[in-house]
């Protein structure tokens, strides 16, 4: 092996390592973004709103006709509305379940208080 070849190989390895280090967050970022979008339905809604704003910008720049803008933005806003209704429906079901649990806990506490009030009265009777 030539003594001049070793620094060249070492330099190539360092450049490859630096490139991998720089590009790794980009590769991970796409994965993290897709996982977060799947977990958070409201982020999908906000992404739709962002697309509407981008369409508006394209219309203002002359890249998109007004008719196309109105049609595409109406479709995106309809999708966002459906996503919001789905999200609120799930939240409503959760709220109802919480209310049922609170009502059951109140009934159990009331029954426990009632029985604790009756127990001393019964024990004082000869």
C-alpha atoms as a PDB file:
ATOM      1  CA  UNK A   1       0.000   0.000   0.000  1.00  0.00           C
ATOM      2  CA  UNK A   2       1.351   3.362  -0.984  1.00  0.00           C
ATOM      3  CA  UNK A   3       1.839   5.947   1.791  1.00  0.00           C
ATOM      4  CA  UNK A   4      -0.008   8.534  -0.345  1.00  0.00           C
ATOM      5  CA  UNK A   5      -3.079   6.278  -0.601  1.00  0.00           C
ATOM      6  CA  UNK A   6      -3.778   6.118   3.155  1.00  0.00           C
ATOM      7  CA  UNK A   7      -4.600   9.855   3.588  1.00  0.00           C
ATOM      8  CA  UNK A   8      -6.874   9.730   0.532  1.00  0.00           C
ATOM      9  CA  UNK A   9      -8.815   6.753   1.911  1.00  0.00           C
ATOM     10  CA  UNK A  10      -9.009   8.388   5.328  1.00  0.00           C
ATOM     11  CA  UNK A  11     -10.269  11.631   3.755  1.00  0.00           C
ATOM     12  CA  UNK A  12     -12.946   9.793   1.756  1.00  0.00           C
ATOM     13  CA  UNK A  13     -14.084   7.962   4.901  1.00  0.00           C
ATOM     14  CA  UNK A  14     -14.299  11.230   6.858  1.00  0.00           C
ATOM     15  CA  UNK A  15     -16.314  12.929   4.083  1.00  0.00           C
ATOM     16  CA  UNK A  16     -18.694   9.942   3.924  1.00  0.00           C
ATOM     17  CA  UNK A  17     -19.122   9.976   7.718  1.00  0.00           C
ATOM     18  CA  UNK A  18     -19.794  13.741   7.711  1.00  0.00           C
ATOM     19  CA  UNK A  19     -22.335  13.370   4.899  1.00  0.00           C
ATOM     20  CA  UNK A  20     -24.101  10.569   6.761  1.00  0.00           C
ATOM     21  CA  UNK A  21     -24.124  12.666   9.940  1.00  0.00           C
ATOM     22  CA  UNK A  22     -25.650  15.636   8.106  1.00  0.00           C
ATOM     23  CA  UNK A  23     -28.251  13.631   6.163  1.00  0.00           C
ATOM     24  CA  UNK A  24     -29.387  11.358   9.013  1.00  0.00           C
ATOM     25  CA  UNK A  25     -31.788  13.908  10.605  1.00  0.00           C
ATOM     26  CA  UNK A  26     -33.515  14.373   7.251  1.00  0.00           C
ATOM     27  CA  UNK A  27     -34.085  10.636   6.955  1.00  0.00           C
ATOM     28  CA  UNK A  28     -35.398  10.424  10.504  1.00  0.00           C
ATOM     29  CA  UNK A  29     -37.495  13.597  10.164  1.00  0.00           C
ATOM     30  CA  UNK A  30     -39.678  12.098   7.455  1.00  0.00           C
ATOM     31  CA  UNK A  31     -40.375   9.044   9.597  1.00  0.00           C
ATOM     32  CA  UNK A  32     -41.139  11.075  12.721  1.00  0.00           C
ATOM     33  CA  UNK A  33     -43.440  13.374  10.741  1.00  0.00           C
ATOM     34  CA  UNK A  34     -45.438  10.449   9.347  1.00  0.00           C
ATOM     35  CA  UNK A  35     -45.785   8.869  12.797  1.00  0.00           C
ATOM     36  CA  UNK A  36     -46.915  12.157  14.341  1.00  0.00           C
ATOM     37  CA  UNK A  37     -49.445  12.718  11.557  1.00  0.00           C
ATOM     38  CA  UNK A  38     -50.911   9.265  12.141  1.00  0.00           C
ATOM     39  CA  UNK A  39     -51.180   9.891  15.893  1.00  0.00           C
ATOM     40  CA  UNK A  40     -52.577  13.420  15.692  1.00  0.00           C
ATOM     41  CA  UNK A  41     -55.604  13.870  13.438  1.00  0.00           C
ATOM     42  CA  UNK A  42     -55.692  17.629  14.039  1.00  0.00           C
ATOM     43  CA  UNK A  43     -52.299  17.928  12.346  1.00  0.00           C
ATOM     44  CA  UNK A  44     -53.930  16.551   9.182  1.00  0.00           C
ATOM     45  CA  UNK A  45     -56.528  19.290   9.448  1.00  0.00           C
ATOM     46  CA  UNK A  46     -53.863  21.956   9.816  1.00  0.00           C
ATOM     47  CA  UNK A  47     -51.999  20.505   6.851  1.00  0.00           C
ATOM     48  CA  UNK A  48     -55.182  20.942   4.789  1.00  0.00           C
ATOM     49  CA  UNK A  49     -55.462  24.558   5.931  1.00  0.00           C
ATOM     50  CA  UNK A  50     -51.841  25.099   4.957  1.00  0.00           C
ATOM     51  CA  UNK A  51     -52.582  23.735   1.487  1.00  0.00           C
ATOM     52  CA  UNK A  52     -55.426  26.227   1.129  1.00  0.00           C
ATOM     53  CA  UNK A  53     -53.047  29.052   2.022  1.00  0.00           C
ATOM     54  CA  UNK A  54     -50.543  27.770  -0.534  1.00  0.00           C
ATOM     55  CA  UNK A  55     -53.287  27.691  -3.162  1.00  0.00           C
ATOM     56  CA  UNK A  56     -54.187  31.271  -2.277  1.00  0.00           C
ATOM     57  CA  UNK A  57     -50.561  32.279  -2.704  1.00  0.00           C
ATOM     58  CA  UNK A  58     -50.409  30.518  -6.082  1.00  0.00           C
ATOM     59  CA  UNK A  59     -53.580  32.343  -7.155  1.00  0.00           C
ATOM     60  CA  UNK A  60     -52.145  35.691  -6.072  1.00  0.00           C
ATOM     61  CA  UNK A  61     -48.934  34.941  -7.993  1.00  0.00           C
ATOM     62  CA  UNK A  62     -50.937  34.157 -11.132  1.00  0.00           C
ATOM     63  CA  UNK A  63     -50.045  30.458 -11.182  1.00  0.00           C
ATOM     64  CA  UNK A  64     -53.631  29.374 -10.511  1.00  0.00           C
ATOM     65  CA  UNK A  65     -56.926  30.668 -11.887  1.00  0.00           C
ATOM     66  CA  UNK A  66     -59.616  31.921  -9.519  1.00  0.00           C
ATOM     67  CA  UNK A  67     -62.019  29.158 -10.585  1.00  0.00           C
ATOM     68  CA  UNK A  68     -59.418  26.466  -9.913  1.00  0.00           C
ATOM     69  CA  UNK A  69     -58.574  28.066  -6.578  1.00  0.00           C
ATOM     70  CA  UNK A  70     -62.224  28.099  -5.516  1.00  0.00           C
ATOM     71  CA  UNK A  71     -62.755  24.483  -6.532  1.00  0.00           C
ATOM     72  CA  UNK A  72     -59.587  23.145  -4.892  1.00  0.00           C
ATOM     73  CA  UNK A  73     -59.942  25.196  -1.717  1.00  0.00           C
ATOM     74  CA  UNK A  74     -63.579  24.091  -1.340  1.00  0.00           C
ATOM     75  CA  UNK A  75     -62.480  20.448  -1.572  1.00  0.00           C
ATOM     76  CA  UNK A  76     -59.689  20.938   0.966  1.00  0.00           C
ATOM     77  CA  UNK A  77     -61.952  22.823   3.373  1.00  0.00           C
ATOM     78  CA  UNK A  78     -64.586  20.087   3.075  1.00  0.00           C
ATOM     79  CA  UNK A  79     -61.944  17.500   3.989  1.00  0.00           C
ATOM     80  CA  UNK A  80     -60.844  19.651   6.935  1.00  0.00           C
ATOM     81  CA  UNK A  81     -64.464  19.965   8.082  1.00  0.00           C
ATOM     82  CA  UNK A  82     -64.954  16.205   7.902  1.00  0.00           C
ATOM     83  CA  UNK A  83     -61.754  15.685   9.900  1.00  0.00           C
ATOM     84  CA  UNK A  84     -62.960  18.166  12.512  1.00  0.00           C
ATOM     85  CA  UNK A  85     -66.346  16.435  12.785  1.00  0.00           C
ATOM     86  CA  UNK A  86     -64.612  13.066  13.229  1.00  0.00           C
ATOM     87  CA  UNK A  87     -62.309  14.488  15.878  1.00  0.00           C
ATOM     88  CA  UNK A  88     -65.110  16.182  17.791  1.00  0.00           C
ATOM     89  CA  UNK A  89     -67.205  13.008  17.580  1.00  0.00           C
ATOM     90  CA  UNK A  90     -64.443  11.011  19.228  1.00  0.00           C
ATOM     91  CA  UNK A  91     -63.973  13.699  21.854  1.00  0.00           C
ATOM     92  CA  UNK A  92     -67.720  13.759  22.499  1.00  0.00           C
ATOM     93  CA  UNK A  93     -67.752  10.002  23.123  1.00  0.00           C
ATOM     94  CA  UNK A  94     -64.844  10.390  25.549  1.00  0.00           C
ATOM     95  CA  UNK A  95     -66.636  13.229  27.349  1.00  0.00           C
ATOM     96  CA  UNK A  96     -69.795  11.111  27.702  1.00  0.00           C
ATOM     97  CA  UNK A  97     -67.788   8.184  29.116  1.00  0.00           C
ATOM     98  CA  UNK A  98     -66.113  10.504  31.651  1.00  0.00           C
ATOM     99  CA  UNK A  99     -69.497  11.911  32.692  1.00  0.00           C
ATOM    100  CA  UNK A 100     -70.871   8.363  33.194  1.00  0.00           C
ATOM    101  CA  UNK A 101     -67.872   7.452  35.352  1.00  0.00           C
ATOM    102  CA  UNK A 102     -68.260  10.614  37.434  1.00  0.00           C
ATOM    103  CA  UNK A 103     -71.976   9.902  37.935  1.00  0.00           C
ATOM    104  CA  UNK A 104     -71.195   6.310  39.003  1.00  0.00           C
ATOM    105  CA  UNK A 105     -68.524   7.535  41.442  1.00  0.00           C
ATOM    106  CA  UNK A 106     -70.923  10.103  42.935  1.00  0.00           C
ATOM    107  CA  UNK A 107     -73.589   7.439  43.374  1.00  0.00           C
ATOM    108  CA  UNK A 108     -71.073   5.117  45.080  1.00  0.00           C
ATOM    109  CA  UNK A 109     -69.904   7.905  47.415  1.00  0.00           C
ATOM    110  CA  UNK A 110     -73.507   8.832  48.255  1.00  0.00           C
ATOM    111  CA  UNK A 111     -74.316   5.194  49.031  1.00  0.00           C
ATOM    112  CA  UNK A 112     -71.193   4.902  51.187  1.00  0.00           C
ATOM    113  CA  UNK A 113     -72.077   8.081  53.101  1.00  0.00           C
ATOM    114  CA  UNK A 114     -75.648   6.884  53.590  1.00  0.00           C
ATOM    115  CA  UNK A 115     -74.503   3.513  54.925  1.00  0.00           C
ATOM    116  CA  UNK A 116     -71.941   5.159  57.239  1.00  0.00           C
ATOM    117  CA  UNK A 117     -74.681   7.396  58.663  1.00  0.00           C
ATOM    118  CA  UNK A 118     -76.996   4.447  59.250  1.00  0.00           C
ATOM    119  CA  UNK A 119     -74.311   2.247  60.848  1.00  0.00           C
ATOM    120  CA  UNK A 120     -73.715   4.488  63.931  1.00  0.00           C
ATOM    121  CA  UNK A 121     -77.461   4.948  64.409  1.00  0.00           C
ATOM    122  CA  UNK A 122     -78.012   1.170  64.397  1.00  0.00           C
ATOM    123  CA  UNK A 123     -75.132   0.507  66.813  1.00  0.00           C
ATOM    124  CA  UNK A 124     -76.511   3.013  69.387  1.00  0.00           C
ATOM    125  CA  UNK A 125     -79.868   1.231  69.559  1.00  0.00           C
ATOM    126  CA  UNK A 126     -79.917  -1.278  72.576  1.00  0.00           C
END
